[in-house]
Amino acid sequence: MRIAVAALALSLVLGPGGPVLANPTTRDPAKIPPGTYVLDKRHASLTAKVAHLGGFSRYTLRFTGLDGGFTLDGANWRTAQARFSVDPRSVDTGDPSFNKQIAGFLGADEYPTITFVSTSLAGGETGEGQLTGDLTFHGVTRPVVLNVVFNGVGPGLLGAGVRMGFSGSTRIKRSEFHEAHFSQWAGDDIDLLFELEFTRK
């Protein structure tokens, strides 16, 4: 019975003409359907890269505890205010003991949430823009500009719902957020890279 159900599901996905793709139908942000969008946590990633020992490598960390969303009223997509949060205890280096050490450096016990709240958006007509907002990290709030690429909006898998995606990056300085643990071993600049997908509620 389970095999039959699995086979039916596979046939619906593949169909007679090959895979049913959930491709973006437009990359024009002005055509995003209004509504409330929530982060698809299974298809979201945030990585951080920092120079190790003067630049032998760009050591990479990944954060898995992400949340966020925004609402579009349909009148002006530029007015949507995005809010994101990151759990610093969700840092993943591939080494569980080192994860706890890094979380301690980030002040996870005293500051259990890293947040970003957008304040303005510049550009965007061609799908690329700069999203400015307030980043609160290690108990310090400072303005940060994210370079964002809108990857498009369209139906979800099998045509269900509305899905959209963004890619982006920014660079912050640890010292500006009063985080300077092991500064002799790790660089001051942190490159943040994110891949985010959202679905409409």
N, C-alpha and C. Protein backbone atom coordinates (compact mmCIF):
# COMPACT_ATOMS: atom_id res chain seq x y z
N MET A 1 0.83 -1.20 0.00
CA MET A 1 0.00 0.00 0.00
C MET A 1 0.87 1.26 0.00
N ARG A 2 1.90 1.27 0.88
CA ARG A 2 2.78 2.42 0.96
C ARG A 2 3.53 2.61 -0.36
N ILE A 3 3.92 1.51 -0.98
CA ILE A 3 4.64 1.61 -2.25
C ILE A 3 3.73 2.21 -3.31
N ALA A 4 2.45 1.84 -3.30
CA ALA A 4 1.51 2.37 -4.28
C ALA A 4 1.31 3.86 -4.08
N VAL A 5 1.19 4.28 -2.83
CA VAL A 5 1.02 5.71 -2.54
C VAL A 5 2.25 6.49 -2.97
N ALA A 6 3.44 5.95 -2.68
CA ALA A 6 4.67 6.61 -3.08
C ALA A 6 4.78 6.71 -4.59
N ALA A 7 4.39 5.65 -5.27
CA ALA A 7 4.44 5.66 -6.73
C ALA A 7 3.49 6.70 -7.30
N LEU A 8 2.28 6.81 -6.69
CA LEU A 8 1.31 7.80 -7.15
C LEU A 8 1.84 9.22 -6.96
N ALA A 9 2.44 9.46 -5.79
CA ALA A 9 3.00 10.78 -5.53
C ALA A 9 4.11 11.12 -6.50
N LEU A 10 4.96 10.12 -6.79
CA LEU A 10 6.05 10.35 -7.73
C LEU A 10 5.53 10.63 -9.12
N SER A 11 4.47 9.94 -9.52
CA SER A 11 3.92 10.16 -10.85
C SER A 11 3.29 11.54 -10.97
N LEU A 12 2.71 12.04 -9.86
CA LEU A 12 2.13 13.38 -9.88
C LEU A 12 3.21 14.45 -10.02
N VAL A 13 4.36 14.20 -9.36
CA VAL A 13 5.45 15.16 -9.43
C VAL A 13 6.12 15.14 -10.79
N LEU A 14 6.40 13.92 -11.28
CA LEU A 14 7.10 13.79 -12.56
C LEU A 14 6.18 14.01 -13.74
N GLY A 15 5.00 13.37 -13.69
CA GLY A 15 4.04 13.53 -14.77
C GLY A 15 4.56 13.00 -16.09
N PRO A 16 3.75 13.05 -17.13
CA PRO A 16 4.16 12.52 -18.42
C PRO A 16 5.22 13.38 -19.10
N GLY A 17 5.32 14.65 -18.68
CA GLY A 17 6.26 15.53 -19.38
C GLY A 17 7.50 15.84 -18.58
N GLY A 18 7.78 15.08 -17.53
CA GLY A 18 8.96 15.33 -16.72
C GLY A 18 8.60 16.07 -15.44
N PRO A 19 9.58 16.59 -14.73
CA PRO A 19 9.34 17.22 -13.44
C PRO A 19 8.40 18.41 -13.53
N VAL A 20 7.53 18.53 -12.53
CA VAL A 20 6.68 19.71 -12.41
C VAL A 20 7.48 20.73 -11.61
N LEU A 21 7.95 21.78 -12.26
CA LEU A 21 8.82 22.74 -11.61
C LEU A 21 8.02 23.89 -11.02
N ALA A 22 8.52 24.41 -9.91
CA ALA A 22 7.89 25.58 -9.28
C ALA A 22 8.75 26.79 -9.60
N ASN A 23 8.89 27.07 -10.87
CA ASN A 23 9.75 28.18 -11.29
C ASN A 23 9.12 29.53 -10.98
N PRO A 24 9.95 30.54 -10.70
CA PRO A 24 9.42 31.90 -10.58
C PRO A 24 8.78 32.32 -11.91
N THR A 25 7.64 33.00 -11.81
CA THR A 25 6.96 33.46 -13.02
C THR A 25 7.34 34.90 -13.36
N THR A 26 7.88 35.63 -12.39
CA THR A 26 8.32 37.00 -12.66
C THR A 26 9.39 37.38 -11.66
N ARG A 27 10.30 38.23 -12.09
CA ARG A 27 11.32 38.79 -11.20
C ARG A 27 11.10 40.29 -11.01
N ASP A 28 9.88 40.71 -11.28
CA ASP A 28 9.49 42.10 -11.08
C ASP A 28 8.87 42.23 -9.69
N PRO A 29 9.55 42.92 -8.75
CA PRO A 29 9.00 43.01 -7.38
C PRO A 29 7.65 43.71 -7.32
N ALA A 30 7.33 44.54 -8.32
CA ALA A 30 6.04 45.23 -8.32
C ALA A 30 4.89 44.26 -8.54
N LYS A 31 5.19 43.04 -8.97
CA LYS A 31 4.14 42.06 -9.25
C LYS A 31 4.00 41.01 -8.15
N ILE A 32 4.64 41.26 -7.02
CA ILE A 32 4.47 40.35 -5.89
C ILE A 32 3.05 40.45 -5.37
N PRO A 33 2.32 39.35 -5.26
CA PRO A 33 0.95 39.41 -4.74
C PRO A 33 0.93 39.90 -3.30
N PRO A 34 -0.04 40.75 -2.94
CA PRO A 34 -0.10 41.23 -1.55
C PRO A 34 -0.40 40.09 -0.59
N GLY A 35 -0.05 40.31 0.65
CA GLY A 35 -0.31 39.31 1.68
C GLY A 35 0.80 39.26 2.70
N THR A 36 0.67 38.33 3.63
CA THR A 36 1.67 38.13 4.67
C THR A 36 2.54 36.95 4.29
N TYR A 37 3.84 37.16 4.32
CA TYR A 37 4.79 36.13 3.93
C TYR A 37 5.63 35.71 5.13
N VAL A 38 5.85 34.41 5.25
CA VAL A 38 6.65 33.87 6.35
C VAL A 38 7.83 33.10 5.78
N LEU A 39 8.91 33.08 6.54
CA LEU A 39 10.12 32.41 6.10
C LEU A 39 9.90 30.90 6.03
N ASP A 40 10.32 30.31 4.92
CA ASP A 40 10.35 28.85 4.81
C ASP A 40 11.67 28.40 5.42
N LYS A 41 11.63 27.98 6.66
CA LYS A 41 12.86 27.69 7.41
C LYS A 41 13.65 26.53 6.82
N ARG A 42 12.97 25.65 6.10
CA ARG A 42 13.68 24.52 5.50
C ARG A 42 14.46 24.93 4.27
N HIS A 43 14.15 26.09 3.72
CA HIS A 43 14.85 26.58 2.55
C HIS A 43 15.41 27.98 2.81
N ALA A 44 16.10 28.09 3.93
CA ALA A 44 16.71 29.36 4.31
C ALA A 44 18.06 29.07 4.94
N SER A 45 19.03 29.89 4.63
CA SER A 45 20.36 29.69 5.21
C SER A 45 21.04 31.04 5.45
N LEU A 46 21.83 31.08 6.50
CA LEU A 46 22.66 32.23 6.81
C LEU A 46 24.05 31.71 7.15
N THR A 47 25.05 32.17 6.39
CA THR A 47 26.42 31.78 6.67
C THR A 47 27.24 33.03 6.96
N ALA A 48 28.25 32.85 7.78
CA ALA A 48 29.15 33.93 8.12
C ALA A 48 30.58 33.48 7.84
N LYS A 49 31.38 34.39 7.28
CA LYS A 49 32.77 34.08 6.97
C LYS A 49 33.67 35.12 7.62
N VAL A 50 34.74 34.64 8.25
CA VAL A 50 35.66 35.54 8.94
C VAL A 50 37.09 35.05 8.69
N ALA A 51 38.00 35.99 8.51
CA ALA A 51 39.39 35.64 8.25
C ALA A 51 40.00 34.94 9.47
N HIS A 52 40.73 33.85 9.22
CA HIS A 52 41.37 33.09 10.28
C HIS A 52 42.88 33.29 10.23
N LEU A 53 43.46 33.68 11.36
CA LEU A 53 44.90 33.87 11.49
C LEU A 53 45.46 34.76 10.38
N GLY A 54 44.84 35.91 10.23
CA GLY A 54 45.36 36.87 9.27
C GLY A 54 44.97 36.61 7.83
N GLY A 55 44.21 35.55 7.59
CA GLY A 55 43.72 35.33 6.24
C GLY A 55 44.11 34.02 5.59
N PHE A 56 44.53 33.02 6.39
CA PHE A 56 44.81 31.71 5.81
C PHE A 56 43.58 31.12 5.15
N SER A 57 42.41 31.45 5.70
CA SER A 57 41.15 31.00 5.11
C SER A 57 40.05 31.94 5.57
N ARG A 58 38.89 31.81 4.94
CA ARG A 58 37.69 32.50 5.39
C ARG A 58 36.86 31.46 6.12
N TYR A 59 37.06 31.37 7.42
CA TYR A 59 36.38 30.34 8.20
C TYR A 59 34.88 30.56 8.12
N THR A 60 34.14 29.47 7.91
CA THR A 60 32.71 29.58 7.64
C THR A 60 31.87 28.99 8.76
N LEU A 61 30.89 29.74 9.19
CA LEU A 61 29.91 29.31 10.19
C LEU A 61 28.53 29.35 9.54
N ARG A 62 27.64 28.49 10.02
CA ARG A 62 26.26 28.52 9.53
C ARG A 62 25.33 28.62 10.72
N PHE A 63 24.27 29.41 10.55
CA PHE A 63 23.24 29.53 11.58
C PHE A 63 21.96 28.88 11.06
N THR A 64 21.40 27.99 11.86
CA THR A 64 20.22 27.24 11.43
C THR A 64 18.92 27.73 12.06
N GLY A 65 19.02 28.52 13.13
CA GLY A 65 17.82 28.99 13.81
C GLY A 65 17.36 30.33 13.29
N LEU A 66 16.68 30.33 12.15
CA LEU A 66 16.24 31.56 11.50
C LEU A 66 14.72 31.67 11.55
N ASP A 67 14.23 32.91 11.58
CA ASP A 67 12.79 33.16 11.51
C ASP A 67 12.60 34.56 10.91
N GLY A 68 11.38 34.83 10.44
CA GLY A 68 11.13 36.16 9.90
C GLY A 68 9.97 36.20 8.94
N GLY A 69 9.72 37.40 8.41
CA GLY A 69 8.64 37.57 7.45
C GLY A 69 8.35 39.04 7.22
N PHE A 70 7.32 39.29 6.43
CA PHE A 70 6.91 40.67 6.12
C PHE A 70 5.51 40.62 5.54
N THR A 71 4.88 41.80 5.44
CA THR A 71 3.54 41.91 4.89
C THR A 71 3.53 42.96 3.79
N LEU A 72 2.89 42.62 2.66
CA LEU A 72 2.70 43.56 1.55
C LEU A 72 1.23 43.93 1.47
N ASP A 73 0.96 45.24 1.43
CA ASP A 73 -0.44 45.65 1.34
C ASP A 73 -0.90 45.83 -0.10
N GLY A 74 0.02 45.70 -1.04
CA GLY A 74 -0.34 45.81 -2.45
C GLY A 74 -0.25 47.20 -3.01
N ALA A 75 -0.21 48.22 -2.15
CA ALA A 75 -0.15 49.59 -2.63
C ALA A 75 1.26 49.97 -3.06
N ASN A 76 2.22 49.61 -2.24
CA ASN A 76 3.61 49.96 -2.54
C ASN A 76 4.52 48.93 -1.90
N TRP A 77 5.12 48.07 -2.72
CA TRP A 77 5.95 46.99 -2.18
C TRP A 77 7.17 47.52 -1.42
N ARG A 78 7.56 48.77 -1.69
CA ARG A 78 8.73 49.33 -1.01
C ARG A 78 8.47 49.62 0.47
N THR A 79 7.20 49.72 0.84
CA THR A 79 6.89 50.07 2.23
C THR A 79 6.86 48.85 3.15
N ALA A 80 6.99 47.66 2.59
CA ALA A 80 6.96 46.46 3.43
C ALA A 80 8.14 46.46 4.39
N GLN A 81 7.87 46.19 5.64
CA GLN A 81 8.92 46.14 6.65
C GLN A 81 9.23 44.69 6.97
N ALA A 82 10.46 44.32 6.71
CA ALA A 82 10.89 42.94 6.96
C ALA A 82 11.52 42.84 8.34
N ARG A 83 11.28 41.73 8.99
CA ARG A 83 11.87 41.47 10.30
C ARG A 83 12.43 40.05 10.31
N PHE A 84 13.67 39.93 10.77
CA PHE A 84 14.31 38.62 10.83
C PHE A 84 14.97 38.43 12.19
N SER A 85 15.06 37.19 12.59
CA SER A 85 15.74 36.87 13.84
C SER A 85 16.62 35.64 13.66
N VAL A 86 17.70 35.62 14.41
CA VAL A 86 18.66 34.52 14.37
C VAL A 86 18.96 34.10 15.79
N ASP A 87 18.95 32.81 16.04
CA ASP A 87 19.32 32.28 17.35
C ASP A 87 20.83 32.01 17.33
N PRO A 88 21.62 32.78 18.08
CA PRO A 88 23.08 32.57 18.05
C PRO A 88 23.50 31.20 18.56
N ARG A 89 22.63 30.54 19.32
CA ARG A 89 22.95 29.20 19.81
C ARG A 89 22.81 28.15 18.71
N SER A 90 22.27 28.56 17.56
CA SER A 90 22.10 27.62 16.45
C SER A 90 23.32 27.57 15.54
N VAL A 91 24.42 28.23 15.93
CA VAL A 91 25.61 28.24 15.09
C VAL A 91 26.13 26.82 14.89
N ASP A 92 26.54 26.53 13.67
CA ASP A 92 27.01 25.19 13.32
C ASP A 92 28.35 25.29 12.61
N THR A 93 29.40 24.78 13.24
CA THR A 93 30.73 24.75 12.64
C THR A 93 31.13 23.36 12.19
N GLY A 94 30.26 22.39 12.48
CA GLY A 94 30.60 21.00 12.21
C GLY A 94 31.26 20.33 13.40
N ASP A 95 31.49 21.09 14.47
CA ASP A 95 32.13 20.58 15.69
C ASP A 95 31.26 20.99 16.87
N PRO A 96 30.49 20.07 17.46
CA PRO A 96 29.55 20.41 18.53
C PRO A 96 30.18 21.18 19.70
N SER A 97 31.38 20.78 20.11
CA SER A 97 32.00 21.47 21.24
C SER A 97 32.41 22.89 20.86
N PHE A 98 32.87 23.07 19.62
CA PHE A 98 33.24 24.40 19.16
C PHE A 98 32.00 25.27 18.97
N ASN A 99 30.87 24.64 18.60
CA ASN A 99 29.62 25.39 18.47
C ASN A 99 29.28 26.10 19.78
N LYS A 100 29.41 25.38 20.88
CA LYS A 100 29.10 25.97 22.19
C LYS A 100 30.06 27.11 22.52
N GLN A 101 31.32 26.95 22.13
CA GLN A 101 32.31 27.98 22.39
C GLN A 101 31.99 29.24 21.59
N ILE A 102 31.65 29.07 20.31
CA ILE A 102 31.32 30.21 19.47
C ILE A 102 30.06 30.90 19.98
N ALA A 103 29.05 30.10 20.37
CA ALA A 103 27.81 30.68 20.91
C ALA A 103 28.12 31.53 22.15
N GLY A 104 29.09 31.07 22.95
CA GLY A 104 29.49 31.86 24.12
C GLY A 104 30.15 33.16 23.73
N PHE A 105 30.99 33.13 22.68
CA PHE A 105 31.62 34.36 22.20
C PHE A 105 30.57 35.35 21.72
N LEU A 106 29.48 34.82 21.15
CA LEU A 106 28.42 35.68 20.62
C LEU A 106 27.49 36.20 21.71
N GLY A 107 27.74 35.78 22.94
CA GLY A 107 26.92 36.25 24.06
C GLY A 107 25.52 35.68 24.04
N ALA A 108 25.38 34.42 23.60
CA ALA A 108 24.06 33.83 23.41
C ALA A 108 23.23 33.77 24.69
N ASP A 109 23.87 33.58 25.83
CA ASP A 109 23.11 33.51 27.08
C ASP A 109 22.53 34.87 27.46
N GLU A 110 23.31 35.91 27.30
CA GLU A 110 22.85 37.25 27.66
C GLU A 110 22.02 37.90 26.57
N TYR A 111 22.37 37.59 25.31
CA TYR A 111 21.66 38.15 24.15
C TYR A 111 21.19 37.00 23.26
N PRO A 112 20.08 36.36 23.61
CA PRO A 112 19.67 35.12 22.93
C PRO A 112 19.11 35.29 21.53
N THR A 113 18.95 36.54 21.06
CA THR A 113 18.39 36.75 19.73
C THR A 113 19.13 37.86 19.00
N ILE A 114 19.50 37.57 17.75
CA ILE A 114 20.04 38.58 16.84
C ILE A 114 18.89 38.98 15.93
N THR A 115 18.64 40.29 15.79
CA THR A 115 17.49 40.73 14.99
C THR A 115 17.91 41.74 13.93
N PHE A 116 17.12 41.76 12.86
CA PHE A 116 17.26 42.77 11.82
C PHE A 116 15.86 43.25 11.47
N VAL A 117 15.66 44.57 11.51
CA VAL A 117 14.38 45.18 11.16
C VAL A 117 14.65 46.21 10.07
N SER A 118 14.04 46.03 8.91
CA SER A 118 14.31 46.93 7.79
C SER A 118 13.67 48.30 8.02
N THR A 119 14.30 49.32 7.43
CA THR A 119 13.79 50.68 7.53
C THR A 119 13.57 51.32 6.17
N SER A 120 14.28 50.88 5.14
CA SER A 120 14.10 51.46 3.80
C SER A 120 14.69 50.53 2.76
N LEU A 121 14.25 50.75 1.51
CA LEU A 121 14.73 49.96 0.39
C LEU A 121 15.05 50.88 -0.76
N ALA A 122 16.26 50.75 -1.31
CA ALA A 122 16.68 51.54 -2.45
C ALA A 122 16.87 50.62 -3.64
N GLY A 123 16.54 51.12 -4.84
CA GLY A 123 16.65 50.28 -6.02
C GLY A 123 15.55 49.24 -6.02
N GLY A 124 15.81 48.12 -6.67
CA GLY A 124 14.84 47.04 -6.67
C GLY A 124 14.08 46.87 -7.96
N GLU A 125 14.06 47.91 -8.81
CA GLU A 125 13.28 47.81 -10.04
C GLU A 125 13.77 46.68 -10.94
N THR A 126 15.07 46.44 -10.94
CA THR A 126 15.64 45.39 -11.78
C THR A 126 15.86 44.10 -11.01
N GLY A 127 15.35 44.07 -9.78
CA GLY A 127 15.51 42.87 -8.96
C GLY A 127 16.68 42.93 -8.01
N GLU A 128 17.49 44.01 -8.09
CA GLU A 128 18.62 44.17 -7.18
C GLU A 128 18.47 45.49 -6.43
N GLY A 129 18.75 45.45 -5.14
CA GLY A 129 18.60 46.67 -4.36
C GLY A 129 19.38 46.61 -3.08
N GLN A 130 19.22 47.66 -2.26
CA GLN A 130 19.89 47.76 -0.97
C GLN A 130 18.83 47.94 0.11
N LEU A 131 18.77 46.98 0.99
CA LEU A 131 17.80 47.00 2.08
C LEU A 131 18.51 47.47 3.34
N THR A 132 18.11 48.63 3.83
CA THR A 132 18.71 49.20 5.04
C THR A 132 17.85 48.86 6.25
N GLY A 133 18.50 48.57 7.34
CA GLY A 133 17.76 48.24 8.54
C GLY A 133 18.64 48.30 9.77
N ASP A 134 18.04 48.04 10.92
CA ASP A 134 18.75 48.06 12.20
C ASP A 134 19.08 46.63 12.62
N LEU A 135 20.36 46.35 12.76
CA LEU A 135 20.83 45.05 13.21
C LEU A 135 21.17 45.14 14.69
N THR A 136 20.57 44.27 15.49
CA THR A 136 20.87 44.20 16.91
C THR A 136 21.61 42.90 17.18
N PHE A 137 22.86 43.05 17.59
CA PHE A 137 23.75 41.90 17.80
C PHE A 137 24.63 42.19 19.00
N HIS A 138 24.72 41.23 19.90
CA HIS A 138 25.58 41.36 21.08
C HIS A 138 25.18 42.57 21.92
N GLY A 139 23.87 42.89 21.91
CA GLY A 139 23.36 43.98 22.71
C GLY A 139 23.54 45.36 22.11
N VAL A 140 24.04 45.42 20.88
CA VAL A 140 24.29 46.70 20.21
C VAL A 140 23.44 46.77 18.95
N THR A 141 22.81 47.92 18.71
CA THR A 141 22.00 48.12 17.51
C THR A 141 22.67 49.16 16.62
N ARG A 142 22.88 48.76 15.35
CA ARG A 142 23.52 49.66 14.39
C ARG A 142 22.84 49.49 13.03
N PRO A 143 22.84 50.56 12.20
CA PRO A 143 22.28 50.43 10.86
C PRO A 143 23.20 49.59 9.97
N VAL A 144 22.59 48.75 9.14
CA VAL A 144 23.32 47.87 8.23
C VAL A 144 22.61 47.89 6.88
N VAL A 145 23.37 47.83 5.81
CA VAL A 145 22.81 47.79 4.46
C VAL A 145 23.04 46.40 3.87
N LEU A 146 21.96 45.74 3.47
CA LEU A 146 22.04 44.43 2.83
C LEU A 146 21.94 44.60 1.32
N ASN A 147 22.85 43.99 0.59
CA ASN A 147 22.74 43.92 -0.86
C ASN A 147 21.86 42.73 -1.20
N VAL A 148 20.71 43.01 -1.82
CA VAL A 148 19.69 41.98 -2.00
C VAL A 148 19.38 41.76 -3.47
N VAL A 149 19.22 40.50 -3.84
CA VAL A 149 18.78 40.12 -5.18
C VAL A 149 17.44 39.41 -5.05
N PHE A 150 16.42 39.93 -5.74
CA PHE A 150 15.11 39.29 -5.76
C PHE A 150 15.11 38.22 -6.84
N ASN A 151 14.98 36.95 -6.42
CA ASN A 151 15.08 35.84 -7.36
C ASN A 151 13.77 35.51 -8.05
N GLY A 152 12.68 36.12 -7.61
CA GLY A 152 11.41 35.92 -8.30
C GLY A 152 10.31 35.39 -7.40
N VAL A 153 9.09 35.44 -7.93
CA VAL A 153 7.91 34.96 -7.23
C VAL A 153 7.10 34.10 -8.18
N GLY A 154 6.41 33.11 -7.63
CA GLY A 154 5.60 32.23 -8.47
C GLY A 154 4.89 31.21 -7.61
N PRO A 155 4.21 30.26 -8.24
CA PRO A 155 3.51 29.23 -7.47
C PRO A 155 4.48 28.26 -6.84
N GLY A 156 4.03 27.64 -5.75
CA GLY A 156 4.85 26.63 -5.10
C GLY A 156 4.78 25.31 -5.84
N LEU A 157 5.32 24.27 -5.24
CA LEU A 157 5.33 22.95 -5.85
C LEU A 157 3.91 22.50 -6.19
N LEU A 158 3.73 21.97 -7.40
CA LEU A 158 2.43 21.53 -7.90
C LEU A 158 1.44 22.68 -7.99
N GLY A 159 1.95 23.90 -8.06
CA GLY A 159 1.08 25.06 -8.24
C GLY A 159 0.41 25.55 -6.99
N ALA A 160 0.81 25.03 -5.83
CA ALA A 160 0.14 25.39 -4.58
C ALA A 160 0.77 26.63 -3.95
N GLY A 161 -0.06 27.61 -3.61
CA GLY A 161 0.39 28.78 -2.87
C GLY A 161 1.26 29.72 -3.68
N VAL A 162 1.91 30.64 -2.96
CA VAL A 162 2.81 31.63 -3.56
C VAL A 162 4.14 31.53 -2.85
N ARG A 163 5.21 31.50 -3.62
CA ARG A 163 6.57 31.38 -3.08
C ARG A 163 7.47 32.43 -3.72
N MET A 164 8.40 32.94 -2.94
CA MET A 164 9.38 33.89 -3.49
C MET A 164 10.72 33.65 -2.83
N GLY A 165 11.77 34.18 -3.46
CA GLY A 165 13.10 33.96 -2.90
C GLY A 165 14.03 35.15 -3.08
N PHE A 166 14.99 35.26 -2.16
CA PHE A 166 15.97 36.33 -2.18
C PHE A 166 17.35 35.76 -1.88
N SER A 167 18.36 36.39 -2.45
CA SER A 167 19.75 36.13 -2.08
C SER A 167 20.35 37.46 -1.65
N GLY A 168 21.37 37.41 -0.82
CA GLY A 168 21.96 38.67 -0.42
C GLY A 168 23.22 38.52 0.40
N SER A 169 23.80 39.67 0.71
CA SER A 169 25.05 39.68 1.47
C SER A 169 25.25 41.04 2.11
N THR A 170 26.11 41.06 3.11
CA THR A 170 26.56 42.31 3.71
C THR A 170 27.85 42.03 4.46
N ARG A 171 28.49 43.07 4.92
CA ARG A 171 29.70 42.93 5.74
C ARG A 171 29.56 43.81 6.97
N ILE A 172 29.84 43.24 8.12
CA ILE A 172 29.82 44.00 9.37
C ILE A 172 31.17 43.85 10.06
N LYS A 173 31.42 44.73 11.01
CA LYS A 173 32.64 44.64 11.81
C LYS A 173 32.29 44.21 13.22
N ARG A 174 32.95 43.19 13.71
CA ARG A 174 32.69 42.70 15.06
C ARG A 174 32.90 43.80 16.09
N SER A 175 33.93 44.60 15.89
CA SER A 175 34.26 45.62 16.87
C SER A 175 33.15 46.65 17.04
N GLU A 176 32.37 46.88 15.98
CA GLU A 176 31.29 47.85 16.06
C GLU A 176 30.14 47.34 16.91
N PHE A 177 30.13 46.03 17.17
CA PHE A 177 29.09 45.43 18.00
C PHE A 177 29.68 44.92 19.32
N HIS A 178 30.85 45.46 19.67
CA HIS A 178 31.51 45.15 20.94
C HIS A 178 31.76 43.65 21.09
N GLU A 179 32.10 43.00 19.99
CA GLU A 179 32.44 41.57 20.03
C GLU A 179 33.87 41.46 19.53
N ALA A 180 34.79 41.11 20.42
CA ALA A 180 36.21 41.09 20.03
C ALA A 180 36.94 39.88 20.59
N HIS A 181 36.23 38.78 20.83
CA HIS A 181 36.89 37.58 21.33
C HIS A 181 37.91 37.07 20.31
N PHE A 182 39.09 36.72 20.81
CA PHE A 182 40.15 36.14 19.99
C PHE A 182 40.43 36.97 18.74
N SER A 183 40.48 38.30 18.91
CA SER A 183 40.72 39.18 17.77
C SER A 183 42.09 38.94 17.15
N GLN A 184 43.01 38.31 17.91
CA GLN A 184 44.33 38.02 17.36
C GLN A 184 44.27 36.81 16.42
N TRP A 185 43.19 36.05 16.48
CA TRP A 185 43.05 34.86 15.63
C TRP A 185 41.99 35.03 14.55
N ALA A 186 41.00 35.86 14.81
CA ALA A 186 39.89 36.03 13.86
C ALA A 186 39.79 37.49 13.45
N GLY A 187 39.53 37.72 12.17
CA GLY A 187 39.45 39.07 11.64
C GLY A 187 38.26 39.86 12.18
N ASP A 188 38.30 41.15 11.98
CA ASP A 188 37.22 42.03 12.45
C ASP A 188 36.03 41.99 11.50
N ASP A 189 36.29 41.85 10.22
CA ASP A 189 35.22 41.85 9.22
C ASP A 189 34.53 40.49 9.18
N ILE A 190 33.19 40.52 9.17
CA ILE A 190 32.38 39.32 9.01
C ILE A 190 31.52 39.48 7.77
N ASP A 191 31.66 38.58 6.83
CA ASP A 191 30.81 38.57 5.65
C ASP A 191 29.61 37.68 5.91
N LEU A 192 28.41 38.23 5.73
CA LEU A 192 27.17 37.48 5.95
C LEU A 192 26.52 37.21 4.59
N LEU A 193 26.18 35.97 4.33
CA LEU A 193 25.56 35.55 3.08
C LEU A 193 24.26 34.83 3.40
N PHE A 194 23.19 35.20 2.71
CA PHE A 194 21.92 34.54 3.01
C PHE A 194 21.17 34.14 1.74
N GLU A 195 20.43 33.06 1.87
CA GLU A 195 19.52 32.57 0.85
C GLU A 195 18.18 32.33 1.55
N LEU A 196 17.14 33.01 1.12
CA LEU A 196 15.86 32.97 1.83
C LEU A 196 14.70 32.71 0.87
N GLU A 197 13.79 31.85 1.28
CA GLU A 197 12.54 31.64 0.57
C GLU A 197 11.38 31.92 1.53
N PHE A 198 10.32 32.49 0.96
CA PHE A 198 9.13 32.82 1.74
C PHE A 198 7.89 32.26 1.07
N THR A 199 6.91 31.93 1.88
CA THR A 199 5.62 31.49 1.36
C THR A 199 4.53 32.39 1.92
N ARG A 200 3.47 32.59 1.14
CA ARG A 200 2.36 33.42 1.60
C ARG A 200 1.43 32.61 2.48
N LYS A 201 1.05 33.20 3.62
CA LYS A 201 0.14 32.53 4.55
C LYS A 201 -1.25 32.41 3.96
